[in-house]
Amino acid sequence: MAGDLRALLLKPTAQSPGATALPTVPLSADSGLSLLPLTDETMANVMSAGPEDSCVDGFYELRTGVAEWARRRFHFGDVAYVHMEFFGGHGFHAAMAWRAGSVAWGPSFTETTAGEAEPHYTVTPAIRDMAINALLRWWGIQPTGQDDEFAAAGVDRHRSTKAWSRSCGPRPLDR
């Protein structure tokens, strides 16, 4: 199976202000998370980030404009960047999270087999230990009754950024 996802995960806190309209998709009710697909349109219109922005060290696709936007959104709660690419059971994850305006988790770079990504990616054959699963576990997501945290949170609903973007519209972020 193939998958290609670039997104921000948003985890509002009890102290988060009222709802804010962003093109997000709520994930599983138990997770309390929303997913913001990082399409070119979203990056340009919501974050004022573009292809001319440089990438954050270590990441293939995380642009500095997106990272800065995510860092400044601490009043929403935690914000995490996730990037996943898989084909035929092999691939990589990259993830990082911000809390209160600072990096609070990561960055983490994992791949299923050597050579799937750059040398700074750690080979992690157990899917449970891939970067996005580890991030979700840090947020308290448990894989109860599911294969892993990715499935428990509902991130497995779609396999691509494009598919996620078709599922969303401007919606308030629930607390």
Protein backbone atom coordinates (compact mmCIF):
# COMPACT_ATOMS: atom_id res chain seq x y z
CA MET A 1 0.00 0.00 0.00
CA ALA A 2 1.12 3.52 -0.71
CA GLY A 3 0.77 6.59 1.45
CA ASP A 4 2.01 10.17 1.34
CA LEU A 5 0.90 12.53 4.10
CA ARG A 6 2.07 16.00 5.11
CA ALA A 7 -0.05 17.58 7.84
CA LEU A 8 -0.25 19.44 11.09
CA LEU A 9 -1.96 17.71 13.99
CA LEU A 10 -3.67 20.08 16.41
CA LYS A 11 -4.38 19.14 20.02
CA PRO A 12 -6.36 21.88 21.77
CA THR A 13 -5.99 22.27 25.51
CA ALA A 14 -8.57 23.21 28.10
CA GLN A 15 -7.01 26.68 28.12
CA SER A 16 -7.35 27.10 24.33
CA PRO A 17 -9.41 30.10 23.26
CA GLY A 18 -12.69 29.63 21.40
CA ALA A 19 -12.97 27.87 18.08
CA THR A 20 -10.90 29.05 15.14
CA ALA A 21 -11.83 28.33 11.54
CA LEU A 22 -9.14 26.31 9.78
CA PRO A 23 -9.51 23.71 7.02
CA THR A 24 -9.19 20.79 9.44
CA VAL A 25 -10.65 17.32 9.82
CA PRO A 26 -11.47 15.98 13.29
CA LEU A 27 -9.76 12.67 14.02
CA SER A 28 -11.13 9.99 16.35
CA ALA A 29 -13.28 11.39 19.14
CA ASP A 30 -11.08 9.75 21.78
CA SER A 31 -7.95 11.46 20.46
CA GLY A 32 -9.21 15.06 20.65
CA LEU A 33 -7.04 15.79 17.60
CA SER A 34 -7.70 17.59 14.33
CA LEU A 35 -5.66 17.21 11.15
CA LEU A 36 -4.75 20.15 8.90
CA PRO A 37 -3.56 18.81 5.51
CA LEU A 38 -0.57 20.77 4.23
CA THR A 39 -1.61 21.42 0.65
CA ASP A 40 0.10 24.13 -1.40
CA GLU A 41 -3.09 26.19 -1.10
CA THR A 42 -3.22 25.90 2.70
CA MET A 43 0.44 26.77 3.08
CA ALA A 44 0.09 29.82 0.83
CA ASN A 45 -3.28 31.14 2.05
CA VAL A 46 -3.29 30.23 5.74
CA MET A 47 0.40 30.28 6.60
CA SER A 48 1.87 32.62 3.98
CA ALA A 49 4.47 29.93 3.32
CA GLY A 50 5.67 29.02 -0.12
CA PRO A 51 8.10 26.88 -2.05
CA GLU A 52 10.71 29.62 -1.80
CA ASP A 53 10.94 29.03 1.97
CA SER A 54 13.85 26.81 2.95
CA CYS A 55 13.30 23.44 4.63
CA VAL A 56 13.86 23.02 8.36
CA ASP A 57 17.08 21.06 8.99
CA GLY A 58 16.55 17.34 8.68
CA PHE A 59 13.13 17.52 7.03
CA TYR A 60 12.32 16.92 3.37
CA GLU A 61 9.19 19.08 3.23
CA LEU A 62 8.78 21.11 6.45
CA ARG A 63 9.19 24.69 5.27
CA THR A 64 10.41 27.37 7.67
CA GLY A 65 7.20 29.36 7.14
CA VAL A 66 5.05 26.39 8.19
CA ALA A 67 7.24 25.68 11.23
CA GLU A 68 7.05 29.31 12.33
CA TRP A 69 3.26 29.36 11.86
CA ALA A 70 2.95 26.16 13.94
CA ARG A 71 5.25 27.51 16.66
CA ARG A 72 3.15 30.69 16.99
CA ARG A 73 -0.13 28.75 17.31
CA PHE A 74 0.51 27.68 20.90
CA HIS A 75 -2.70 29.40 22.00
CA PHE A 76 -4.52 26.55 20.19
CA GLY A 77 -2.65 23.99 22.28
CA ASP A 78 -0.03 21.57 20.94
CA VAL A 79 0.75 21.59 17.22
CA ALA A 80 2.72 18.81 15.50
CA TYR A 81 4.10 18.43 12.00
CA VAL A 82 3.92 14.93 10.53
CA HIS A 83 5.26 13.59 7.24
CA MET A 84 4.85 10.00 6.14
CA GLU A 85 5.70 8.27 2.86
CA PHE A 86 5.19 4.53 2.33
CA PHE A 87 5.07 2.14 -0.59
CA GLY A 88 4.80 -1.63 -0.38
CA GLY A 89 5.24 -1.64 3.40
CA HIS A 90 8.47 0.36 3.33
CA GLY A 91 8.93 4.05 4.01
CA PHE A 92 9.58 6.76 6.55
CA HIS A 93 8.04 9.06 9.15
CA ALA A 94 9.21 12.49 10.32
CA ALA A 95 7.56 14.39 13.17
CA MET A 96 8.02 17.32 15.56
CA ALA A 97 5.70 19.04 18.06
CA TRP A 98 5.50 22.51 19.58
CA ARG A 99 4.00 23.48 22.93
CA ALA A 100 3.85 27.01 24.34
CA GLY A 101 5.89 28.35 21.43
CA SER A 102 8.83 25.93 21.73
CA VAL A 103 9.73 22.54 20.33
CA ALA A 104 8.44 20.09 22.95
CA TRP A 105 8.92 16.77 21.16
CA GLY A 106 11.32 15.67 18.44
CA PRO A 107 12.29 16.09 15.82
CA SER A 108 12.17 12.37 15.12
CA PHE A 109 13.10 10.72 11.82
CA THR A 110 12.45 7.00 11.29
CA GLU A 111 12.49 4.58 8.36
CA THR A 112 11.47 0.93 8.07
CA THR A 113 14.61 -0.20 6.23
CA ALA A 114 18.00 1.34 5.57
CA GLY A 115 18.09 3.43 2.43
CA GLU A 116 14.45 4.55 2.45
CA ALA A 117 15.52 8.02 3.59
CA GLU A 118 18.63 10.05 4.37
CA PRO A 119 21.31 8.75 6.79
CA HIS A 120 19.99 10.72 9.80
CA TYR A 121 16.78 8.62 9.75
CA THR A 122 16.83 5.79 12.31
CA VAL A 123 15.95 2.32 11.04
CA THR A 124 12.92 1.21 13.05
CA PRO A 125 11.42 -2.02 11.68
CA ALA A 126 8.65 -2.05 14.32
CA ILE A 127 5.82 0.19 13.06
CA ARG A 128 4.94 0.99 16.68
CA ASP A 129 8.28 2.79 17.02
CA MET A 130 7.92 4.95 13.91
CA ALA A 131 8.04 8.71 14.56
CA ILE A 132 4.33 9.50 14.19
CA ASN A 133 3.32 6.62 16.47
CA ALA A 134 5.86 7.78 19.06
CA LEU A 135 4.50 11.34 18.86
CA LEU A 136 0.92 10.14 19.30
CA ARG A 137 2.01 7.98 22.25
CA TRP A 138 3.65 11.09 23.80
CA TRP A 139 0.22 12.75 23.53
CA GLY A 140 -1.34 9.82 25.39
CA ILE A 141 -2.94 8.01 22.45
CA GLN A 142 -3.21 4.29 23.22
CA PRO A 143 -3.65 1.65 20.50
CA THR A 144 -6.43 -0.10 22.43
CA GLY A 145 -8.18 -2.40 19.94
CA GLN A 146 -6.15 -0.98 17.03
CA ASP A 147 -2.89 -1.96 15.33
CA ASP A 148 -1.06 1.16 16.51
CA GLU A 149 -1.46 4.76 17.67
CA PHE A 150 -1.74 5.94 14.05
CA ALA A 151 -4.91 3.86 13.63
CA ALA A 152 -6.22 4.61 17.14
CA ALA A 153 -6.07 8.37 16.48
CA GLY A 154 -7.78 7.92 13.10
CA VAL A 155 -4.84 9.14 11.00
CA ASP A 156 -5.19 5.98 8.89
CA ARG A 157 -8.59 7.12 7.52
CA HIS A 158 -6.89 8.42 4.36
CA ARG A 159 -3.48 7.64 2.85
CA SER A 160 -2.65 10.97 1.20
CA THR A 161 -2.61 14.68 1.85
CA LYS A 162 -4.87 15.12 -1.17
CA ALA A 163 -7.49 12.68 0.20
CA TRP A 164 -7.44 14.42 3.59
CA SER A 165 -7.87 17.82 1.91
CA ARG A 166 -11.03 16.59 0.15
CA SER A 167 -12.47 15.69 3.58
CA CYS A 168 -12.05 19.06 5.20
CA GLY A 169 -13.41 22.52 5.08
CA PRO A 170 -13.23 25.55 7.30
CA ARG A 171 -14.36 24.13 10.62
CA PRO A 172 -13.89 25.30 14.15
CA LEU A 173 -11.34 23.43 16.20
CA ASP A 174 -13.18 21.69 19.00
CA ARG A 175 -11.82 21.97 22.48
